[in-house]
N, C-alpha and C. Protein backbone atom coordinates (compact mmCIF):
# COMPACT_ATOMS: atom_id res chain seq x y z
N MET A 1 92.18 6.77 -3.64
CA MET A 1 91.36 7.71 -4.09
C MET A 1 90.11 7.65 -3.29
N GLU A 2 89.38 8.88 -3.15
CA GLU A 2 88.21 9.08 -2.46
C GLU A 2 87.08 9.45 -3.49
N ILE A 3 85.83 9.00 -3.05
CA ILE A 3 84.70 9.21 -3.79
C ILE A 3 83.65 9.49 -2.62
N THR A 4 82.89 10.72 -2.92
CA THR A 4 81.88 11.10 -2.16
C THR A 4 80.56 10.99 -2.66
N GLY A 5 79.60 10.68 -2.03
CA GLY A 5 78.13 10.61 -2.64
C GLY A 5 77.22 9.80 -1.66
N LYS A 6 76.05 9.40 -2.22
CA LYS A 6 75.07 9.09 -1.47
C LYS A 6 74.82 7.33 -1.90
N ILE A 7 74.65 6.65 -0.89
CA ILE A 7 74.24 5.22 -1.04
C ILE A 7 72.75 5.17 -1.55
N ILE A 8 72.66 4.70 -2.80
CA ILE A 8 71.30 4.54 -3.46
C ILE A 8 70.97 3.08 -3.35
N GLU A 9 71.67 2.17 -3.35
CA GLU A 9 71.36 0.69 -3.29
C GLU A 9 72.21 -0.02 -2.46
N ILE A 10 71.68 -1.31 -1.80
CA ILE A 10 72.71 -2.13 -1.31
C ILE A 10 72.33 -3.53 -1.82
N LEU A 11 73.19 -4.02 -2.36
CA LEU A 11 73.07 -5.37 -3.20
C LEU A 11 73.11 -6.52 -2.11
N GLU A 12 72.67 -7.74 -2.64
CA GLU A 12 72.50 -8.96 -1.79
C GLU A 12 74.12 -9.39 -1.12
N GLU A 13 74.31 -9.58 -0.05
CA GLU A 13 75.52 -10.07 0.47
C GLU A 13 75.90 -11.38 -0.30
N LYS A 14 77.07 -11.71 -0.51
CA LYS A 14 77.56 -12.90 -1.07
C LYS A 14 78.72 -13.64 -0.31
N SER A 15 78.69 -14.75 -0.14
CA SER A 15 79.66 -15.56 0.70
C SER A 15 80.04 -16.79 0.01
N GLY A 16 81.04 -17.39 0.45
CA GLY A 16 81.33 -18.85 0.16
C GLY A 16 82.68 -19.23 0.85
N GLU A 17 83.06 -20.38 0.45
CA GLU A 17 84.21 -21.10 0.93
C GLU A 17 85.32 -21.19 -0.06
N SER A 18 86.56 -20.88 0.31
CA SER A 18 87.54 -21.08 -0.37
C SER A 18 88.90 -22.04 0.12
N SER A 19 89.93 -22.07 -0.34
CA SER A 19 90.80 -22.84 0.19
C SER A 19 91.54 -22.28 1.53
N LYS A 20 91.12 -20.91 1.75
CA LYS A 20 91.74 -20.22 2.76
C LYS A 20 90.65 -19.98 3.93
N GLY A 21 89.39 -20.61 3.61
CA GLY A 21 88.45 -20.34 4.60
C GLY A 21 87.19 -19.72 4.02
N GLY A 22 86.30 -19.27 4.86
CA GLY A 22 85.07 -18.63 4.41
C GLY A 22 85.47 -17.25 4.08
N TRP A 23 84.56 -16.55 3.17
CA TRP A 23 84.65 -15.27 2.87
C TRP A 23 83.30 -14.62 2.58
N ARG A 24 83.03 -13.28 2.70
CA ARG A 24 81.96 -12.51 2.51
C ARG A 24 82.20 -11.25 1.79
N LYS A 25 81.27 -10.84 0.89
CA LYS A 25 81.47 -9.73 0.18
C LYS A 25 80.25 -9.07 -0.07
N GLN A 26 80.06 -7.61 0.09
CA GLN A 26 78.87 -6.82 0.07
C GLN A 26 79.17 -5.72 -0.91
N GLU A 27 78.13 -5.67 -1.98
CA GLU A 27 78.42 -4.56 -3.11
C GLU A 27 77.15 -3.47 -2.80
N TYR A 28 77.66 -2.06 -3.00
CA TYR A 28 76.93 -1.07 -2.67
C TYR A 28 76.92 -0.10 -4.08
N ILE A 29 75.81 0.46 -4.25
CA ILE A 29 75.66 1.54 -5.53
C ILE A 29 75.92 2.89 -4.70
N LEU A 30 76.69 3.62 -5.12
CA LEU A 30 76.97 5.04 -4.63
C LEU A 30 76.68 5.89 -5.85
N GLU A 31 75.99 7.01 -5.67
CA GLU A 31 75.73 8.10 -6.66
C GLU A 31 76.34 9.19 -6.42
N THR A 32 77.39 9.87 -7.18
CA THR A 32 78.02 10.86 -6.86
C THR A 32 76.96 12.16 -6.90
N GLN A 33 77.52 13.42 -6.39
CA GLN A 33 76.73 14.38 -6.24
C GLN A 33 77.23 15.79 -7.03
N ALA A 34 77.85 15.36 -8.27
CA ALA A 34 78.37 16.32 -9.08
C ALA A 34 77.43 16.84 -10.11
N GLN A 35 77.71 17.72 -10.90
CA GLN A 35 76.87 18.43 -11.96
C GLN A 35 76.10 17.13 -12.82
N TYR A 36 77.12 16.02 -13.18
CA TYR A 36 76.62 14.96 -14.02
C TYR A 36 76.64 13.81 -13.06
N PRO A 37 75.71 13.43 -12.22
CA PRO A 37 76.12 12.36 -11.24
C PRO A 37 76.42 11.03 -12.12
N LYS A 38 77.37 10.30 -11.27
CA LYS A 38 77.70 8.85 -11.58
C LYS A 38 77.30 8.01 -10.57
N LYS A 39 77.13 6.70 -11.13
CA LYS A 39 76.60 5.58 -10.20
C LYS A 39 77.96 4.68 -10.28
N ILE A 40 78.47 4.39 -9.04
CA ILE A 40 79.55 3.66 -8.88
C ILE A 40 79.42 2.26 -7.90
N CYS A 41 79.64 1.22 -8.41
CA CYS A 41 79.42 -0.02 -7.71
C CYS A 41 80.86 -0.33 -6.96
N PHE A 42 80.87 -0.24 -5.56
CA PHE A 42 82.01 -0.71 -4.87
C PHE A 42 81.58 -1.87 -4.07
N MET A 43 82.66 -2.77 -3.59
CA MET A 43 82.47 -3.73 -2.83
C MET A 43 83.26 -3.55 -1.43
N VAL A 44 82.95 -4.16 -0.38
CA VAL A 44 83.48 -4.22 0.83
C VAL A 44 83.74 -5.74 1.26
N TRP A 45 84.80 -6.30 1.62
CA TRP A 45 85.08 -7.54 1.89
C TRP A 45 85.21 -7.94 3.49
N GLY A 46 84.73 -9.03 4.11
CA GLY A 46 84.95 -9.63 5.33
C GLY A 46 84.31 -8.77 6.52
N ASP A 47 85.04 -8.80 7.49
CA ASP A 47 84.53 -8.02 8.62
C ASP A 47 84.32 -6.69 8.44
N LYS A 48 84.81 -5.80 7.41
CA LYS A 48 84.73 -4.49 7.22
C LYS A 48 83.01 -4.20 6.86
N ILE A 49 82.48 -5.29 6.51
CA ILE A 49 80.99 -5.14 6.08
C ILE A 49 80.41 -4.68 7.35
N ASP A 50 80.46 -5.23 8.47
CA ASP A 50 79.87 -4.83 9.77
C ASP A 50 80.55 -3.77 10.36
N ASP A 51 81.87 -3.51 10.29
CA ASP A 51 82.55 -2.34 10.94
C ASP A 51 82.09 -1.03 10.21
N PHE A 52 81.77 -0.91 8.90
CA PHE A 52 81.45 0.18 8.32
C PHE A 52 79.90 0.47 8.53
N GLY A 53 79.02 -0.48 8.71
CA GLY A 53 77.71 -0.31 8.86
C GLY A 53 76.83 0.53 7.70
N ILE A 54 77.33 0.43 6.68
CA ILE A 54 76.72 1.40 5.56
C ILE A 54 75.26 0.97 5.49
N LYS A 55 74.38 2.30 5.51
CA LYS A 55 73.15 2.09 5.27
C LYS A 55 72.54 2.82 3.96
N GLU A 56 71.40 2.45 3.47
CA GLU A 56 70.85 3.09 2.33
C GLU A 56 70.58 4.75 2.62
N ASN A 57 70.76 5.43 1.60
CA ASN A 57 70.36 6.92 1.71
C ASN A 57 71.54 7.65 2.72
N GLN A 58 72.41 6.92 2.95
CA GLN A 58 73.46 7.50 3.73
C GLN A 58 74.63 8.38 2.81
N ASP A 59 75.00 9.62 3.21
CA ASP A 59 76.04 10.26 2.65
C ASP A 59 77.35 10.00 3.00
N VAL A 60 78.17 9.42 2.28
CA VAL A 60 79.45 8.80 2.54
C VAL A 60 80.66 9.40 1.93
N GLU A 61 81.90 9.17 2.50
CA GLU A 61 83.19 9.49 1.68
C GLU A 61 83.69 7.91 1.63
N VAL A 62 83.96 7.46 0.49
CA VAL A 62 84.66 6.26 0.36
C VAL A 62 86.18 6.11 -0.11
N SER A 63 87.04 5.63 0.45
CA SER A 63 88.53 5.41 0.15
C SER A 63 88.42 4.15 -0.41
N ILE A 64 88.89 4.14 -1.91
CA ILE A 64 88.85 2.97 -2.61
C ILE A 64 90.19 2.60 -3.32
N ASP A 65 90.46 1.41 -3.81
CA ASP A 65 91.33 0.98 -4.72
C ASP A 65 90.61 0.27 -5.80
N ILE A 66 91.11 0.49 -7.10
CA ILE A 66 90.67 0.12 -8.21
C ILE A 66 91.61 -0.95 -8.98
N GLU A 67 91.20 -2.07 -9.05
CA GLU A 67 92.22 -2.98 -9.72
C GLU A 67 91.46 -3.83 -10.87
N SER A 68 91.98 -3.95 -11.91
CA SER A 68 91.62 -4.67 -13.07
C SER A 68 92.37 -5.99 -13.25
N ARG A 69 91.87 -7.02 -13.76
CA ARG A 69 92.59 -8.19 -14.10
C ARG A 69 92.28 -8.81 -15.31
N GLU A 70 92.80 -9.68 -16.12
CA GLU A 70 92.50 -10.31 -17.10
C GLU A 70 92.28 -11.74 -17.04
N TYR A 71 91.19 -12.23 -17.50
CA TYR A 71 90.76 -13.72 -17.60
C TYR A 71 90.29 -14.01 -18.93
N ASN A 72 90.91 -15.07 -19.59
CA ASN A 72 90.26 -15.50 -20.78
C ASN A 72 90.04 -14.33 -21.89
N GLY A 73 91.13 -13.53 -22.00
CA GLY A 73 90.97 -12.40 -22.96
C GLY A 73 90.03 -11.29 -22.41
N ARG A 74 89.53 -11.17 -21.46
CA ARG A 74 88.52 -10.27 -21.03
C ARG A 74 89.05 -9.54 -19.69
N TRP A 75 88.81 -8.31 -19.59
CA TRP A 75 89.30 -7.53 -18.39
C TRP A 75 88.16 -7.42 -17.47
N TYR A 76 88.30 -7.64 -16.15
CA TYR A 76 87.44 -7.40 -15.08
C TYR A 76 88.06 -6.41 -14.06
N THR A 77 87.00 -5.51 -13.73
CA THR A 77 87.59 -4.30 -12.75
C THR A 77 86.88 -4.40 -11.34
N ASP A 78 87.61 -4.40 -10.27
CA ASP A 78 87.01 -4.29 -9.00
C ASP A 78 87.25 -2.90 -8.11
N VAL A 79 86.33 -2.46 -7.56
CA VAL A 79 86.38 -1.18 -6.84
C VAL A 79 86.13 -1.63 -5.43
N LYS A 80 87.32 -1.62 -4.74
CA LYS A 80 87.20 -2.39 -3.16
C LYS A 80 87.37 -1.02 -2.36
N ALA A 81 86.48 -0.96 -1.36
CA ALA A 81 86.56 0.09 -0.32
C ALA A 81 87.37 -0.47 0.72
N TRP A 82 88.44 0.47 1.21
CA TRP A 82 89.27 0.18 2.60
C TRP A 82 88.79 1.13 3.64
N LYS A 83 88.13 2.20 3.27
CA LYS A 83 87.70 3.10 4.38
C LYS A 83 86.26 3.76 3.92
N VAL A 84 85.39 3.69 4.87
CA VAL A 84 84.04 4.50 4.67
C VAL A 84 83.81 5.40 5.91
N ALA A 85 83.69 6.67 5.59
CA ALA A 85 83.21 7.53 6.67
C ALA A 85 81.90 8.25 6.27
N GLN A 86 81.08 8.52 7.17
CA GLN A 86 79.94 9.34 7.15
C GLN A 86 80.28 10.68 6.65
N LYS A 87 79.72 11.36 5.50
CA LYS A 87 80.05 12.69 5.10
C LYS A 87 79.43 13.54 6.10
N GLY A 88 80.34 14.58 6.55
CA GLY A 88 79.82 15.54 7.38
C GLY A 88 80.70 16.71 7.24
N ALA A 89 80.46 17.85 8.19
CA ALA A 89 81.15 19.24 7.85
C ALA A 89 82.50 19.07 7.75
N GLY A 90 83.18 18.30 8.37
CA GLY A 90 84.76 18.01 8.34
C GLY A 90 85.25 17.71 7.08
N THR A 91 84.63 17.02 6.18
CA THR A 91 85.00 16.78 4.80
C THR A 91 84.65 17.71 3.63
N ALA A 92 84.25 19.05 4.02
CA ALA A 92 84.04 20.00 2.85
C ALA A 92 85.22 20.24 1.97
N SER A 93 86.45 20.28 2.58
CA SER A 93 87.41 20.67 1.65
C SER A 93 87.74 19.26 0.75
N SER A 94 87.58 18.22 1.21
CA SER A 94 87.85 16.89 0.24
C SER A 94 86.54 16.96 -0.68
N ASN A 95 85.33 17.53 -0.49
CA ASN A 95 84.27 17.15 -1.13
C ASN A 95 84.56 18.01 -2.49
N SER A 96 85.16 19.32 -2.39
CA SER A 96 85.37 20.11 -3.52
C SER A 96 86.30 19.36 -4.58
N SER A 97 87.33 18.88 -4.02
CA SER A 97 88.26 18.17 -5.01
C SER A 97 87.64 16.88 -5.44
N THR A 98 86.91 16.17 -4.85
CA THR A 98 86.16 14.96 -5.34
C THR A 98 85.13 15.32 -6.41
N SER A 99 84.25 16.42 -5.93
CA SER A 99 83.39 16.82 -7.05
C SER A 99 83.98 17.21 -8.43
N SER A 100 84.95 17.81 -8.26
CA SER A 100 85.78 18.36 -9.54
C SER A 100 86.24 17.09 -10.35
N GLU A 101 86.71 16.05 -9.55
CA GLU A 101 87.33 14.78 -10.25
C GLU A 101 86.10 14.11 -10.86
N SER A 102 84.82 14.10 -10.24
CA SER A 102 83.78 13.35 -10.70
C SER A 102 83.15 14.08 -11.96
N ALA A 103 83.15 15.38 -11.90
CA ALA A 103 82.57 16.08 -13.18
C ALA A 103 83.54 15.90 -14.35
N ALA A 104 84.71 15.54 -14.43
CA ALA A 104 85.50 15.46 -15.57
C ALA A 104 85.71 13.89 -15.71
N PRO A 105 85.44 13.29 -16.85
CA PRO A 105 85.54 11.85 -17.04
C PRO A 105 86.99 11.28 -16.83
N PRO A 106 87.33 10.51 -15.80
CA PRO A 106 88.28 10.06 -15.34
C PRO A 106 88.80 8.81 -16.43
N PRO A 107 90.00 8.76 -16.73
CA PRO A 107 90.37 7.52 -17.40
C PRO A 107 90.04 6.03 -17.14
N THR A 108 89.56 5.97 -16.02
CA THR A 108 89.19 4.51 -15.39
C THR A 108 87.53 4.47 -15.54
N GLU A 109 86.96 5.52 -16.05
CA GLU A 109 85.46 5.31 -16.14
C GLU A 109 85.06 4.18 -16.77
N GLU A 110 85.54 4.02 -18.00
CA GLU A 110 85.21 3.01 -18.84
C GLU A 110 85.03 1.55 -18.24
N PRO A 111 86.31 1.06 -17.66
CA PRO A 111 86.12 -0.10 -16.85
C PRO A 111 85.25 -0.21 -15.56
N LEU A 112 84.70 0.96 -15.09
CA LEU A 112 83.85 0.72 -13.98
C LEU A 112 82.52 0.43 -14.55
N GLY A 113 82.22 0.62 -15.76
CA GLY A 113 80.94 0.16 -16.41
C GLY A 113 80.77 -1.35 -16.26
N LEU A 114 81.72 -2.22 -16.03
CA LEU A 114 81.88 -3.55 -16.07
C LEU A 114 80.93 -4.30 -14.75
N ASP A 115 80.09 -3.34 -14.24
CA ASP A 115 79.49 -3.89 -12.87
C ASP A 115 78.97 -5.28 -13.06
N ALA A 116 78.10 -5.68 -13.99
CA ALA A 116 77.66 -7.02 -13.98
C ALA A 116 78.52 -8.04 -14.04
N GLU A 117 79.61 -7.60 -15.05
CA GLU A 117 80.78 -8.69 -15.13
C GLU A 117 81.77 -8.85 -14.12
N SER A 118 82.02 -7.85 -13.26
CA SER A 118 82.87 -7.76 -12.27
C SER A 118 82.35 -8.61 -10.89
N SER A 119 81.20 -8.90 -11.01
CA SER A 119 80.59 -9.62 -9.90
C SER A 119 80.47 -11.06 -10.07
N VAL A 120 81.13 -11.62 -11.18
CA VAL A 120 80.97 -13.13 -11.65
C VAL A 120 81.92 -13.65 -10.39
N ASP A 121 81.25 -14.54 -9.94
CA ASP A 121 81.88 -15.29 -8.80
C ASP A 121 82.48 -16.65 -9.03
N ASP A 122 82.44 -17.26 -10.24
CA ASP A 122 83.13 -18.41 -10.74
C ASP A 122 84.49 -18.15 -11.40
N LEU A 123 85.08 -17.09 -11.11
CA LEU A 123 86.41 -17.11 -11.60
C LEU A 123 87.42 -17.50 -10.66
N PRO A 124 88.49 -17.98 -11.22
CA PRO A 124 89.54 -18.83 -10.42
C PRO A 124 90.59 -18.01 -9.63
N PHE A 125 90.18 -16.80 -9.52
CA PHE A 125 91.10 -15.80 -8.67
C PHE A 125 90.20 -15.00 -7.63
């Protein structure tokens, strides 16, 4: 799935150690540019943080995977970016389809509102 918008905030980078070694994650707030703009918190893991070089106020097209998981009777949703491209003249055709998708409430809109809960780091998975 692709989402187009402007990076309005870059949250503090988080890092830690797991049984598989060190990890890093960075979260970004993207605002869509549809008739009714939506704010979406997405995350980037590991070396992709440096590879993408995302900056505030940058117009981007983000390719994401959305995944939800259950823990102790509650559901948590992650929006993980696997590709980020600066928005330019070459993405005009995909912008129109992305904008129309953003204008109509998608069925996954409700779980995306769990931004504060989805960033809990003390979960065992």
